Amino acid sequence: METIKFFAEVKDFRINRKKLYSLPEILLISLCAVVSGAEDFEEIAEYGRQNCLF
């Protein structure tokens, strides 16, 4: 199973009007960032800014 499809099965409890990014995208970026050495939220966010086109 593709990773993004796996993450798409996770229930998203956020308020719809507050969603800027999809939960599967957030989870995939977080996973990639942690595997790449990110240790906290700030490093995950920086990884997302540097490596993803939104």
Protein backbone atom coordinates (compact mmCIF):
# COMPACT_ATOMS: atom_id res chain seq x y z
CA MET A 1 0.00 0.00 0.00
CA GLU A 2 1.28 3.46 -0.81
CA THR A 3 2.13 5.52 2.25
CA ILE A 4 -0.17 8.41 1.32
CA LYS A 5 -3.09 5.99 0.87
CA PHE A 6 -2.31 4.47 4.26
CA PHE A 7 -2.38 7.91 5.89
CA ALA A 8 -5.64 8.76 4.07
CA GLU A 9 -7.36 6.15 6.24
CA VAL A 10 -6.56 8.09 9.43
CA LYS A 11 -9.61 9.97 10.76
CA ASP A 12 -9.14 13.74 10.75
CA PHE A 13 -10.88 15.39 13.72
CA ARG A 14 -9.91 18.96 12.84
CA ILE A 15 -12.54 21.62 12.11
CA ASN A 16 -13.07 21.81 8.34
CA ARG A 17 -12.69 25.58 8.05
CA LYS A 18 -9.35 25.42 9.91
CA LYS A 19 -7.72 22.91 7.54
CA LEU A 20 -4.94 24.46 5.48
CA TYR A 21 -3.28 21.16 4.49
CA SER A 22 -4.68 17.65 4.26
CA LEU A 23 -3.90 15.28 7.13
CA PRO A 24 -2.24 12.67 4.88
CA GLU A 25 0.14 15.36 3.55
CA ILE A 26 1.00 16.49 7.07
CA LEU A 27 1.64 12.93 8.23
CA LEU A 28 3.79 12.08 5.21
CA ILE A 29 5.89 15.24 5.56
CA SER A 30 6.27 14.55 9.29
CA LEU A 31 7.41 10.98 8.63
CA CYS A 32 9.93 12.09 6.00
CA ALA A 33 11.24 14.85 8.26
CA VAL A 34 11.73 12.54 11.25
CA VAL A 35 13.47 9.92 9.11
CA SER A 36 15.71 12.74 7.86
CA GLY A 37 16.67 13.70 11.40
CA ALA A 38 14.06 16.24 12.54
CA GLU A 39 13.65 16.11 16.30
CA ASP A 40 10.87 18.59 17.05
CA PHE A 41 7.94 20.47 15.52
CA GLU A 42 10.06 23.40 14.38
CA GLU A 43 12.44 21.11 12.50
CA ILE A 44 9.51 19.25 10.90
CA ALA A 45 8.00 22.58 9.78
CA GLU A 46 11.35 23.72 8.38
CA TYR A 47 11.72 20.43 6.50
CA GLY A 48 8.27 20.95 4.99
CA ARG A 49 9.10 24.50 3.90
CA GLN A 50 12.40 23.46 2.31
CA ASN A 51 11.35 20.22 0.62
CA CYS A 52 7.70 20.50 -0.39
CA LEU A 53 5.93 22.65 -2.94
CA PHE A 54 2.60 23.98 -1.68
